[in-house]
Amino acid sequence: DGSEKLEPIFIGKASKPWCFKKQSPEQCG
């Protein structure tokens, strides 16, 4: 019914993607 939604998960190949620069993905939200 859409009353409970989970945060989106992103799955990629790189353990530290360059697009996050020096931050962790969690720090970027």
mmCIF file of all heavy atoms, coordinates in Angstrom:
data_MODEL
# 
_entry.id   MODEL 
# 
loop_
_atom_site.group_PDB 
_atom_site.id 
_atom_site.type_symbol 
_atom_site.label_atom_id 
_atom_site.label_alt_id 
_atom_site.label_comp_id 
_atom_site.label_asym_id 
_atom_site.label_entity_id 
_atom_site.label_seq_id 
_atom_site.pdbx_PDB_ins_code 
_atom_site.Cartn_x 
_atom_site.Cartn_y 
_atom_site.Cartn_z 
_atom_site.occupancy 
_atom_site.B_iso_or_equiv 
_atom_site.pdbx_formal_charge 
_atom_site.auth_seq_id 
_atom_site.auth_comp_id 
_atom_site.auth_asym_id 
_atom_site.auth_atom_id 
_atom_site.pdbx_PDB_model_num 
ATOM 1   N N   . ASP A 1 1  ? 0.812  -1.224 0.000   1.00 0.00 ? 1  ASP A N   1 
ATOM 2   C CA  . ASP A 1 1  ? 0.000  0.000  0.000   1.00 0.00 ? 1  ASP A CA  1 
ATOM 3   C C   . ASP A 1 1  ? 0.845  1.275  0.000   1.00 0.00 ? 1  ASP A C   1 
ATOM 4   O O   . ASP A 1 1  ? 0.315  2.377  -0.001  1.00 0.00 ? 1  ASP A O   1 
ATOM 5   C CB  . ASP A 1 1  ? -0.994 0.012  1.159   1.00 0.00 ? 1  ASP A CB  1 
ATOM 6   C CG  . ASP A 1 1  ? -0.344 0.100  2.531   1.00 0.00 ? 1  ASP A CG  1 
ATOM 7   O OD1 . ASP A 1 1  ? 0.900  0.189  2.614   1.00 0.00 ? 1  ASP A OD1 1 
ATOM 8   O OD2 . ASP A 1 1  ? -1.089 0.082  3.531   1.00 0.00 ? 1  ASP A OD2 1 
ATOM 9   N N   . GLY A 1 2  ? 2.160  1.134  -0.009  1.00 0.00 ? 2  GLY A N   1 
ATOM 10  C CA  . GLY A 1 2  ? 3.047  2.296  -0.102  1.00 0.00 ? 2  GLY A CA  1 
ATOM 11  C C   . GLY A 1 2  ? 3.256  3.054  1.184   1.00 0.00 ? 2  GLY A C   1 
ATOM 12  O O   . GLY A 1 2  ? 3.847  4.130  1.181   1.00 0.00 ? 2  GLY A O   1 
ATOM 13  N N   . SER A 1 3  ? 2.797  2.510  2.311   1.00 0.00 ? 3  SER A N   1 
ATOM 14  C CA  . SER A 1 3  ? 2.952  3.230  3.576   1.00 0.00 ? 3  SER A CA  1 
ATOM 15  C C   . SER A 1 3  ? 4.359  3.111  4.148   1.00 0.00 ? 3  SER A C   1 
ATOM 16  O O   . SER A 1 3  ? 4.754  3.929  4.964   1.00 0.00 ? 3  SER A O   1 
ATOM 17  C CB  . SER A 1 3  ? 1.923  2.725  4.601   1.00 0.00 ? 3  SER A CB  1 
ATOM 18  O OG  . SER A 1 3  ? 2.142  1.361  4.878   1.00 0.00 ? 3  SER A OG  1 
ATOM 19  N N   . GLU A 1 4  ? 5.116  2.099  3.739   1.00 0.00 ? 4  GLU A N   1 
ATOM 20  C CA  . GLU A 1 4  ? 6.510  1.943  4.171   1.00 0.00 ? 4  GLU A CA  1 
ATOM 21  C C   . GLU A 1 4  ? 7.393  1.854  2.940   1.00 0.00 ? 4  GLU A C   1 
ATOM 22  O O   . GLU A 1 4  ? 7.195  1.002  2.084   1.00 0.00 ? 4  GLU A O   1 
ATOM 23  C CB  . GLU A 1 4  ? 6.678  0.685  5.022   1.00 0.00 ? 4  GLU A CB  1 
ATOM 24  C CG  . GLU A 1 4  ? 5.963  0.747  6.345   1.00 0.00 ? 4  GLU A CG  1 
ATOM 25  C CD  . GLU A 1 4  ? 6.207  -0.493 7.188   1.00 0.00 ? 4  GLU A CD  1 
ATOM 26  O OE1 . GLU A 1 4  ? 7.126  -1.262 6.876   1.00 0.00 ? 4  GLU A OE1 1 
ATOM 27  O OE2 . GLU A 1 4  ? 5.461  -0.685 8.143   1.00 0.00 ? 4  GLU A OE2 1 
ATOM 28  N N   . LYS A 1 5  ? 8.377  2.741  2.856   1.00 0.00 ? 5  LYS A N   1 
ATOM 29  C CA  . LYS A 1 5  ? 9.297  2.767  1.728   1.00 0.00 ? 5  LYS A CA  1 
ATOM 30  C C   . LYS A 1 5  ? 10.712 2.726  2.267   1.00 0.00 ? 5  LYS A C   1 
ATOM 31  O O   . LYS A 1 5  ? 11.020 3.390  3.245   1.00 0.00 ? 5  LYS A O   1 
ATOM 32  C CB  . LYS A 1 5  ? 9.093  4.032  0.906   1.00 0.00 ? 5  LYS A CB  1 
ATOM 33  C CG  . LYS A 1 5  ? 7.699  4.163  0.354   1.00 0.00 ? 5  LYS A CG  1 
ATOM 34  C CD  . LYS A 1 5  ? 7.486  5.516  -0.265  1.00 0.00 ? 5  LYS A CD  1 
ATOM 35  C CE  . LYS A 1 5  ? 6.019  5.664  -0.617  1.00 0.00 ? 5  LYS A CE  1 
ATOM 36  N NZ  . LYS A 1 5  ? 5.649  7.029  -0.906  1.00 0.00 ? 5  LYS A NZ  1 
ATOM 37  N N   . LEU A 1 6  ? 11.580 1.952  1.609   1.00 0.00 ? 6  LEU A N   1 
ATOM 38  C CA  . LEU A 1 6  ? 12.986 1.902  1.993   1.00 0.00 ? 6  LEU A CA  1 
ATOM 39  C C   . LEU A 1 6  ? 13.770 2.902  1.163   1.00 0.00 ? 6  LEU A C   1 
ATOM 40  O O   . LEU A 1 6  ? 13.390 3.242  0.042   1.00 0.00 ? 6  LEU A O   1 
ATOM 41  C CB  . LEU A 1 6  ? 13.547 0.497  1.777   1.00 0.00 ? 6  LEU A CB  1 
ATOM 42  C CG  . LEU A 1 6  ? 12.919 -0.623 2.587   1.00 0.00 ? 6  LEU A CG  1 
ATOM 43  C CD1 . LEU A 1 6  ? 13.605 -1.944 2.255   1.00 0.00 ? 6  LEU A CD1 1 
ATOM 44  C CD2 . LEU A 1 6  ? 12.993 -0.348 4.073   1.00 0.00 ? 6  LEU A CD2 1 
ATOM 45  N N   . GLU A 1 7  ? 14.869 3.372  1.726   1.00 0.00 ? 7  GLU A N   1 
ATOM 46  C CA  . GLU A 1 7  ? 15.774 4.244  0.990   1.00 0.00 ? 7  GLU A CA  1 
ATOM 47  C C   . GLU A 1 7  ? 16.273 3.498  -0.248  1.00 0.00 ? 7  GLU A C   1 
ATOM 48  O O   . GLU A 1 7  ? 16.464 2.286  -0.204  1.00 0.00 ? 7  GLU A O   1 
ATOM 49  C CB  . GLU A 1 7  ? 16.979 4.620  1.853   1.00 0.00 ? 7  GLU A CB  1 
ATOM 50  C CG  . GLU A 1 7  ? 16.652 5.550  2.992   1.00 0.00 ? 7  GLU A CG  1 
ATOM 51  C CD  . GLU A 1 7  ? 16.346 6.957  2.527   1.00 0.00 ? 7  GLU A CD  1 
ATOM 52  O OE1 . GLU A 1 7  ? 16.909 7.401  1.513   1.00 0.00 ? 7  GLU A OE1 1 
ATOM 53  O OE2 . GLU A 1 7  ? 15.527 7.598  3.192   1.00 0.00 ? 7  GLU A OE2 1 
ATOM 54  N N   . PRO A 1 8  ? 16.507 4.181  -1.365  1.00 0.00 ? 8  PRO A N   1 
ATOM 55  C CA  . PRO A 1 8  ? 17.049 3.511  -2.556  1.00 0.00 ? 8  PRO A CA  1 
ATOM 56  C C   . PRO A 1 8  ? 18.450 2.957  -2.287  1.00 0.00 ? 8  PRO A C   1 
ATOM 57  O O   . PRO A 1 8  ? 19.208 3.511  -1.495  1.00 0.00 ? 8  PRO A O   1 
ATOM 58  C CB  . PRO A 1 8  ? 17.123 4.614  -3.601  1.00 0.00 ? 8  PRO A CB  1 
ATOM 59  C CG  . PRO A 1 8  ? 16.271 5.721  -3.092  1.00 0.00 ? 8  PRO A CG  1 
ATOM 60  C CD  . PRO A 1 8  ? 16.227 5.584  -1.608  1.00 0.00 ? 8  PRO A CD  1 
ATOM 61  N N   . ILE A 1 9  ? 18.779 1.849  -2.941  1.00 0.00 ? 9  ILE A N   1 
ATOM 62  C CA  . ILE A 1 9  ? 20.129 1.291  -2.869  1.00 0.00 ? 9  ILE A CA  1 
ATOM 63  C C   . ILE A 1 9  ? 20.751 1.419  -4.263  1.00 0.00 ? 9  ILE A C   1 
ATOM 64  O O   . ILE A 1 9  ? 20.085 1.193  -5.267  1.00 0.00 ? 9  ILE A O   1 
ATOM 65  C CB  . ILE A 1 9  ? 20.134 -0.172 -2.401  1.00 0.00 ? 9  ILE A CB  1 
ATOM 66  C CG1 . ILE A 1 9  ? 21.564 -0.708 -2.301  1.00 0.00 ? 9  ILE A CG1 1 
ATOM 67  C CG2 . ILE A 1 9  ? 19.279 -1.054 -3.272  1.00 0.00 ? 9  ILE A CG2 1 
ATOM 68  C CD1 . ILE A 1 9  ? 21.692 -2.086 -1.702  1.00 0.00 ? 9  ILE A CD1 1 
ATOM 69  N N   . PHE A 1 10 ? 22.005 1.814  -4.295  1.00 0.00 ? 10 PHE A N   1 
ATOM 70  C CA  . PHE A 1 10 ? 22.753 1.926  -5.538  1.00 0.00 ? 10 PHE A CA  1 
ATOM 71  C C   . PHE A 1 10 ? 23.855 0.877  -5.502  1.00 0.00 ? 10 PHE A C   1 
ATOM 72  O O   . PHE A 1 10 ? 24.607 0.791  -4.533  1.00 0.00 ? 10 PHE A O   1 
ATOM 73  C CB  . PHE A 1 10 ? 23.351 3.327  -5.682  1.00 0.00 ? 10 PHE A CB  1 
ATOM 74  C CG  . PHE A 1 10 ? 22.305 4.402  -5.780  1.00 0.00 ? 10 PHE A CG  1 
ATOM 75  C CD1 . PHE A 1 10 ? 21.794 5.009  -4.646  1.00 0.00 ? 10 PHE A CD1 1 
ATOM 76  C CD2 . PHE A 1 10 ? 21.827 4.784  -7.017  1.00 0.00 ? 10 PHE A CD2 1 
ATOM 77  C CE1 . PHE A 1 10 ? 20.819 5.990  -4.735  1.00 0.00 ? 10 PHE A CE1 1 
ATOM 78  C CE2 . PHE A 1 10 ? 20.851 5.765  -7.120  1.00 0.00 ? 10 PHE A CE2 1 
ATOM 79  C CZ  . PHE A 1 10 ? 20.350 6.367  -5.974  1.00 0.00 ? 10 PHE A CZ  1 
ATOM 80  N N   . ILE A 1 11 ? 23.949 0.084  -6.568  1.00 0.00 ? 11 ILE A N   1 
ATOM 81  C CA  . ILE A 1 11 ? 24.950 -0.980 -6.643  1.00 0.00 ? 11 ILE A CA  1 
ATOM 82  C C   . ILE A 1 11 ? 25.801 -0.725 -7.873  1.00 0.00 ? 11 ILE A C   1 
ATOM 83  O O   . ILE A 1 11 ? 25.286 -0.605 -8.983  1.00 0.00 ? 11 ILE A O   1 
ATOM 84  C CB  . ILE A 1 11 ? 24.285 -2.363 -6.740  1.00 0.00 ? 11 ILE A CB  1 
ATOM 85  C CG1 . ILE A 1 11 ? 23.310 -2.557 -5.584  1.00 0.00 ? 11 ILE A CG1 1 
ATOM 86  C CG2 . ILE A 1 11 ? 25.340 -3.460 -6.754  1.00 0.00 ? 11 ILE A CG2 1 
ATOM 87  C CD1 . ILE A 1 11 ? 22.405 -3.750 -5.747  1.00 0.00 ? 11 ILE A CD1 1 
ATOM 88  N N   . GLY A 1 12 ? 27.098 -0.635 -7.653  1.00 0.00 ? 12 GLY A N   1 
ATOM 89  C CA  . GLY A 1 12 ? 28.023 -0.393 -8.753  1.00 0.00 ? 12 GLY A CA  1 
ATOM 90  C C   . GLY A 1 12 ? 29.177 -1.366 -8.715  1.00 0.00 ? 12 GLY A C   1 
ATOM 91  O O   . GLY A 1 12 ? 29.269 -2.216 -7.828  1.00 0.00 ? 12 GLY A O   1 
ATOM 92  N N   . LYS A 1 13 ? 30.094 -1.234 -9.666  1.00 0.00 ? 13 LYS A N   1 
ATOM 93  C CA  . LYS A 1 13 ? 31.257 -2.121 -9.730  1.00 0.00 ? 13 LYS A CA  1 
ATOM 94  C C   . LYS A 1 13 ? 32.410 -1.629 -8.860  1.00 0.00 ? 13 LYS A C   1 
ATOM 95  O O   . LYS A 1 13 ? 33.134 -2.415 -8.282  1.00 0.00 ? 13 LYS A O   1 
ATOM 96  C CB  . LYS A 1 13 ? 31.742 -2.244 -11.172 1.00 0.00 ? 13 LYS A CB  1 
ATOM 97  C CG  . LYS A 1 13 ? 30.825 -3.040 -12.054 1.00 0.00 ? 13 LYS A CG  1 
ATOM 98  C CD  . LYS A 1 13 ? 31.439 -3.204 -13.432 1.00 0.00 ? 13 LYS A CD  1 
ATOM 99  C CE  . LYS A 1 13 ? 30.537 -4.033 -14.317 1.00 0.00 ? 13 LYS A CE  1 
ATOM 100 N NZ  . LYS A 1 13 ? 31.162 -4.290 -15.612 1.00 0.00 ? 13 LYS A NZ  1 
ATOM 101 N N   . ALA A 1 14 ? 32.592 -0.335 -8.764  1.00 0.00 ? 14 ALA A N   1 
ATOM 102 C CA  . ALA A 1 14 ? 33.740 0.240  -8.058  1.00 0.00 ? 14 ALA A CA  1 
ATOM 103 C C   . ALA A 1 14 ? 33.492 0.295  -6.554  1.00 0.00 ? 14 ALA A C   1 
ATOM 104 O O   . ALA A 1 14 ? 32.405 0.646  -6.105  1.00 0.00 ? 14 ALA A O   1 
ATOM 105 C CB  . ALA A 1 14 ? 34.026 1.640  -8.570  1.00 0.00 ? 14 ALA A CB  1 
ATOM 106 N N   . SER A 1 15 ? 34.520 -0.058 -5.774  1.00 0.00 ? 15 SER A N   1 
ATOM 107 C CA  . SER A 1 15 ? 34.381 0.031  -4.322  1.00 0.00 ? 15 SER A CA  1 
ATOM 108 C C   . SER A 1 15 ? 34.426 1.473  -3.841  1.00 0.00 ? 15 SER A C   1 
ATOM 109 O O   . SER A 1 15 ? 33.786 1.821  -2.852  1.00 0.00 ? 15 SER A O   1 
ATOM 110 C CB  . SER A 1 15 ? 35.455 -0.793 -3.628  1.00 0.00 ? 15 SER A CB  1 
ATOM 111 O OG  . SER A 1 15 ? 36.732 -0.329 -3.973  1.00 0.00 ? 15 SER A OG  1 
ATOM 112 N N   . LYS A 1 16 ? 35.176 2.322  -4.549  1.00 0.00 ? 16 LYS A N   1 
ATOM 113 C CA  . LYS A 1 16 ? 35.222 3.753  -4.251  1.00 0.00 ? 16 LYS A CA  1 
ATOM 114 C C   . LYS A 1 16 ? 35.069 4.521  -5.565  1.00 0.00 ? 16 LYS A C   1 
ATOM 115 O O   . LYS A 1 16 ? 36.050 4.879  -6.199  1.00 0.00 ? 16 LYS A O   1 
ATOM 116 C CB  . LYS A 1 16 ? 36.544 4.129  -3.582  1.00 0.00 ? 16 LYS A CB  1 
ATOM 117 C CG  . LYS A 1 16 ? 36.673 3.598  -2.189  1.00 0.00 ? 16 LYS A CG  1 
ATOM 118 C CD  . LYS A 1 16 ? 37.880 4.200  -1.514  1.00 0.00 ? 16 LYS A CD  1 
ATOM 119 C CE  . LYS A 1 16 ? 37.890 3.780  -0.059  1.00 0.00 ? 16 LYS A CE  1 
ATOM 120 N NZ  . LYS A 1 16 ? 38.909 4.465  0.690   1.00 0.00 ? 16 LYS A NZ  1 
ATOM 121 N N   . PRO A 1 17 ? 33.830 4.786  -5.986  1.00 0.00 ? 17 PRO A N   1 
ATOM 122 C CA  . PRO A 1 17 ? 33.619 5.475  -7.264  1.00 0.00 ? 17 PRO A CA  1 
ATOM 123 C C   . PRO A 1 17 ? 34.235 6.868  -7.264  1.00 0.00 ? 17 PRO A C   1 
ATOM 124 O O   . PRO A 1 17 ? 34.186 7.582  -6.265  1.00 0.00 ? 17 PRO A O   1 
ATOM 125 C CB  . PRO A 1 17 ? 32.097 5.575  -7.374  1.00 0.00 ? 17 PRO A CB  1 
ATOM 126 C CG  . PRO A 1 17 ? 31.560 4.577  -6.415  1.00 0.00 ? 17 PRO A CG  1 
ATOM 127 C CD  . PRO A 1 17 ? 32.579 4.431  -5.342  1.00 0.00 ? 17 PRO A CD  1 
ATOM 128 N N   . TRP A 1 18 ? 34.815 7.262  -8.392  1.00 0.00 ? 18 TRP A N   1 
ATOM 129 C CA  . TRP A 1 18 ? 35.477 8.560  -8.485  1.00 0.00 ? 18 TRP A CA  1 
ATOM 130 C C   . TRP A 1 18 ? 34.492 9.706  -8.337  1.00 0.00 ? 18 TRP A C   1 
ATOM 131 O O   . TRP A 1 18 ? 34.869 10.798 -7.944  1.00 0.00 ? 18 TRP A O   1 
ATOM 132 C CB  . TRP A 1 18 ? 36.242 8.674  -9.798  1.00 0.00 ? 18 TRP A CB  1 
ATOM 133 C CG  . TRP A 1 18 ? 35.361 8.610  -11.003 1.00 0.00 ? 18 TRP A CG  1 
ATOM 134 C CD1 . TRP A 1 18 ? 35.013 7.485  -11.697 1.00 0.00 ? 18 TRP A CD1 1 
ATOM 135 C CD2 . TRP A 1 18 ? 34.689 9.694  -11.636 1.00 0.00 ? 18 TRP A CD2 1 
ATOM 136 N NE1 . TRP A 1 18 ? 34.162 7.802  -12.726 1.00 0.00 ? 18 TRP A NE1 1 
ATOM 137 C CE2 . TRP A 1 18 ? 33.950 9.172  -12.712 1.00 0.00 ? 18 TRP A CE2 1 
ATOM 138 C CE3 . TRP A 1 18 ? 34.635 11.058 -11.400 1.00 0.00 ? 18 TRP A CE3 1 
ATOM 139 C CZ2 . TRP A 1 18 ? 33.165 9.951  -13.535 1.00 0.00 ? 18 TRP A CZ2 1 
ATOM 140 C CZ3 . TRP A 1 18 ? 33.852 11.842 -12.236 1.00 0.00 ? 18 TRP A CZ3 1 
ATOM 141 C CH2 . TRP A 1 18 ? 33.133 11.286 -13.285 1.00 0.00 ? 18 TRP A CH2 1 
ATOM 142 N N   . CYS A 1 19 ? 33.215 9.471  -8.644  1.00 0.00 ? 19 CYS A N   1 
ATOM 143 C CA  . CYS A 1 19 ? 32.238 10.566 -8.586  1.00 0.00 ? 19 CYS A CA  1 
ATOM 144 C C   . CYS A 1 19 ? 31.982 11.045 -7.156  1.00 0.00 ? 19 CYS A C   1 
ATOM 145 O O   . CYS A 1 19 ? 31.501 12.151 -6.951  1.00 0.00 ? 19 CYS A O   1 
ATOM 146 C CB  . CYS A 1 19 ? 30.930 10.143 -9.244  1.00 0.00 ? 19 CYS A CB  1 
ATOM 147 S SG  . CYS A 1 19 ? 30.128 8.742  -8.476  1.00 0.00 ? 19 CYS A SG  1 
ATOM 148 N N   . PHE A 1 20 ? 32.323 10.222 -6.151  1.00 0.00 ? 20 PHE A N   1 
ATOM 149 C CA  . PHE A 1 20 ? 32.150 10.634 -4.760  1.00 0.00 ? 20 PHE A CA  1 
ATOM 150 C C   . PHE A 1 20 ? 33.357 11.414 -4.249  1.00 0.00 ? 20 PHE A C   1 
ATOM 151 O O   . PHE A 1 20 ? 33.351 11.891 -3.126  1.00 0.00 ? 20 PHE A O   1 
ATOM 152 C CB  . PHE A 1 20 ? 31.908 9.424  -3.858  1.00 0.00 ? 20 PHE A CB  1 
ATOM 153 C CG  . PHE A 1 20 ? 30.637 8.689  -4.175  1.00 0.00 ? 20 PHE A CG  1 
ATOM 154 C CD1 . PHE A 1 20 ? 30.633 7.318  -4.288  1.00 0.00 ? 20 PHE A CD1 1 
ATOM 155 C CD2 . PHE A 1 20 ? 29.440 9.366  -4.358  1.00 0.00 ? 20 PHE A CD2 1 
ATOM 156 C CE1 . PHE A 1 20 ? 29.469 6.630  -4.569  1.00 0.00 ? 20 PHE A CE1 1 
ATOM 157 C CE2 . PHE A 1 20 ? 28.272 8.686  -4.639  1.00 0.00 ? 20 PHE A CE2 1 
ATOM 158 C CZ  . PHE A 1 20 ? 28.291 7.316  -4.750  1.00 0.00 ? 20 PHE A CZ  1 
ATOM 159 N N   . LYS A 1 21 ? 34.392 11.509 -5.078  1.00 0.00 ? 21 LYS A N   1 
ATOM 160 C CA  . LYS A 1 21 ? 35.636 12.197 -4.750  1.00 0.00 ? 21 LYS A CA  1 
ATOM 161 C C   . LYS A 1 21 ? 36.228 11.660 -3.456  1.00 0.00 ? 21 LYS A C   1 
ATOM 162 O O   . LYS A 1 21 ? 36.436 10.469 -3.342  1.00 0.00 ? 21 LYS A O   1 
ATOM 163 C CB  . LYS A 1 21 ? 35.420 13.697 -4.733  1.00 0.00 ? 21 LYS A CB  1 
ATOM 164 C CG  . LYS A 1 21 ? 34.880 14.168 -6.081  1.00 0.00 ? 21 LYS A CG  1 
ATOM 165 C CD  . LYS A 1 21 ? 35.057 15.589 -6.307  1.00 0.00 ? 21 LYS A CD  1 
ATOM 166 C CE  . LYS A 1 21 ? 34.464 15.852 -7.692  1.00 0.00 ? 21 LYS A CE  1 
ATOM 167 N NZ  . LYS A 1 21 ? 34.622 17.098 -8.188  1.00 0.00 ? 21 LYS A NZ  1 
ATOM 168 N N   . LYS A 1 22 ? 36.463 12.480 -2.461  1.00 0.00 ? 22 LYS A N   1 
ATOM 169 C CA  . LYS A 1 22 ? 37.112 12.001 -1.232  1.00 0.00 ? 22 LYS A CA  1 
ATOM 170 C C   . LYS A 1 22 ? 36.126 11.639 -0.142  1.00 0.00 ? 22 LYS A C   1 
ATOM 171 O O   . LYS A 1 22 ? 36.513 11.294 0.953   1.00 0.00 ? 22 LYS A O   1 
ATOM 172 C CB  . LYS A 1 22 ? 38.097 13.049 -0.730  1.00 0.00 ? 22 LYS A CB  1 
ATOM 173 C CG  . LYS A 1 22 ? 39.246 13.258 -1.681  1.00 0.00 ? 22 LYS A CG  1 
ATOM 174 C CD  . LYS A 1 22 ? 40.258 14.224 -1.140  1.00 0.00 ? 22 LYS A CD  1 
ATOM 175 C CE  . LYS A 1 22 ? 41.385 14.389 -2.142  1.00 0.00 ? 22 LYS A CE  1 
ATOM 176 N NZ  . LYS A 1 22 ? 42.419 15.272 -1.666  1.00 0.00 ? 22 LYS A NZ  1 
ATOM 177 N N   . GLN A 1 23 ? 34.831 11.706 -0.427  1.00 0.00 ? 23 GLN A N   1 
ATOM 178 C CA  . GLN A 1 23 ? 33.814 11.364 0.562   1.00 0.00 ? 23 GLN A CA  1 
ATOM 179 C C   . GLN A 1 23 ? 33.343 9.936  0.349   1.00 0.00 ? 23 GLN A C   1 
ATOM 180 O O   . GLN A 1 23 ? 33.451 9.388  -0.746  1.00 0.00 ? 23 GLN A O   1 
ATOM 181 C CB  . GLN A 1 23 ? 32.617 12.297 0.436   1.00 0.00 ? 23 GLN A CB  1 
ATOM 182 C CG  . GLN A 1 23 ? 32.925 13.735 0.747   1.00 0.00 ? 23 GLN A CG  1 
ATOM 183 C CD  . GLN A 1 23 ? 31.699 14.607 0.624   1.00 0.00 ? 23 GLN A CD  1 
ATOM 184 O OE1 . GLN A 1 23 ? 30.768 14.286 -0.089  1.00 0.00 ? 23 GLN A OE1 1 
ATOM 185 N NE2 . GLN A 1 23 ? 31.704 15.722 1.326   1.00 0.00 ? 23 GLN A NE2 1 
ATOM 186 N N   . SER A 1 24 ? 32.799 9.353  1.400   1.00 0.00 ? 24 SER A N   1 
ATOM 187 C CA  . SER A 1 24 ? 32.187 8.038  1.255   1.00 0.00 ? 24 SER A CA  1 
ATOM 188 C C   . SER A 1 24 ? 30.772 8.230  0.704   1.00 0.00 ? 24 SER A C   1 
ATOM 189 O O   . SER A 1 24 ? 30.194 9.311  0.837   1.00 0.00 ? 24 SER A O   1 
ATOM 190 C CB  . SER A 1 24 ? 32.134 7.330  2.603   1.00 0.00 ? 24 SER A CB  1 
ATOM 191 O OG  . SER A 1 24 ? 31.181 7.941  3.444   1.00 0.00 ? 24 SER A OG  1 
ATOM 192 N N   . PRO A 1 25 ? 30.205 7.203  0.082   1.00 0.00 ? 25 PRO A N   1 
ATOM 193 C CA  . PRO A 1 25 ? 28.829 7.327  -0.417  1.00 0.00 ? 25 PRO A CA  1 
ATOM 194 C C   . PRO A 1 25 ? 27.832 7.682  0.692   1.00 0.00 ? 25 PRO A C   1 
ATOM 195 O O   . PRO A 1 25 ? 26.893 8.434  0.463   1.00 0.00 ? 25 PRO A O   1 
ATOM 196 C CB  . PRO A 1 25 ? 28.537 5.949  -0.993  1.00 0.00 ? 25 PRO A CB  1 
ATOM 197 C CG  . PRO A 1 25 ? 29.877 5.399  -1.345  1.00 0.00 ? 25 PRO A CG  1 
ATOM 198 C CD  . PRO A 1 25 ? 30.812 5.943  -0.306  1.00 0.00 ? 25 PRO A CD  1 
ATOM 199 N N   . GLU A 1 26 ? 28.051 7.169  1.890   1.00 0.00 ? 26 GLU A N   1 
ATOM 200 C CA  . GLU A 1 26 ? 27.160 7.473  3.009   1.00 0.00 ? 26 GLU A CA  1 
ATOM 201 C C   . GLU A 1 26 ? 27.215 8.956  3.372   1.00 0.00 ? 26 GLU A C   1 
ATOM 202 O O   . GLU A 1 26 ? 26.215 9.550  3.744   1.00 0.00 ? 26 GLU A O   1 
ATOM 203 C CB  . GLU A 1 26 ? 27.498 6.615  4.225   1.00 0.00 ? 26 GLU A CB  1 
ATOM 204 C CG  . GLU A 1 26 ? 27.111 5.145  4.065   1.00 0.00 ? 26 GLU A CG  1 
ATOM 205 C CD  . GLU A 1 26 ? 28.089 4.354  3.214   1.00 0.00 ? 26 GLU A CD  1 
ATOM 206 O OE1 . GLU A 1 26 ? 29.248 4.803  3.027   1.00 0.00 ? 26 GLU A OE1 1 
ATOM 207 O OE2 . GLU A 1 26 ? 27.700 3.295  2.715   1.00 0.00 ? 26 GLU A OE2 1 
ATOM 208 N N   . GLN A 1 27 ? 28.387 9.570  3.279   1.00 0.00 ? 27 GLN A N   1 
ATOM 209 C CA  . GLN A 1 27 ? 28.519 11.001 3.548   1.00 0.00 ? 27 GLN A CA  1 
ATOM 210 C C   . GLN A 1 27 ? 27.784 11.825 2.496   1.00 0.00 ? 27 GLN A C   1 
ATOM 211 O O   . GLN A 1 27 ? 27.331 12.929 2.778   1.00 0.00 ? 27 GLN A O   1 
ATOM 212 C CB  . GLN A 1 27 ? 29.991 11.407 3.589   1.00 0.00 ? 27 GLN A CB  1 
ATOM 213 C CG  . GLN A 1 27 ? 30.736 10.882 4.783   1.00 0.00 ? 27 GLN A CG  1 
ATOM 214 C CD  . GLN A 1 27 ? 32.234 11.158 4.680   1.00 0.00 ? 27 GLN A CD  1 
ATOM 215 O OE1 . GLN A 1 27 ? 32.807 11.137 3.592   1.00 0.00 ? 27 GLN A OE1 1 
ATOM 216 N NE2 . GLN A 1 27 ? 32.859 11.400 5.823   1.00 0.00 ? 27 GLN A NE2 1 
ATOM 217 N N   . CYS A 1 28 ? 27.661 11.294 1.288   1.00 0.00 ? 28 CYS A N   1 
ATOM 218 C CA  . CYS A 1 28 ? 26.939 11.976 0.220   1.00 0.00 ? 28 CYS A CA  1 
ATOM 219 C C   . CYS A 1 28 ? 25.436 11.716 0.292   1.00 0.00 ? 28 CYS A C   1 
ATOM 220 O O   . CYS A 1 28 ? 24.681 12.293 -0.479  1.00 0.00 ? 28 CYS A O   1 
ATOM 221 C CB  . CYS A 1 28 ? 27.461 11.511 -1.136  1.00 0.00 ? 28 CYS A CB  1 
ATOM 222 S SG  . CYS A 1 28 ? 29.161 11.981 -1.461  1.00 0.00 ? 28 CYS A SG  1 
ATOM 223 N N   . GLY A 1 29 ? 25.010 10.839 1.173   1.00 0.00 ? 29 GLY A N   1 
ATOM 224 C CA  . GLY A 1 29 ? 23.587 10.563 1.324   1.00 0.00 ? 29 GLY A CA  1 
ATOM 225 C C   . GLY A 1 29 ? 23.080 9.385  0.522   1.00 0.00 ? 29 GLY A C   1 
ATOM 226 O O   . GLY A 1 29 ? 21.886 9.271  0.275   1.00 0.00 ? 29 GLY A O   1 
# 
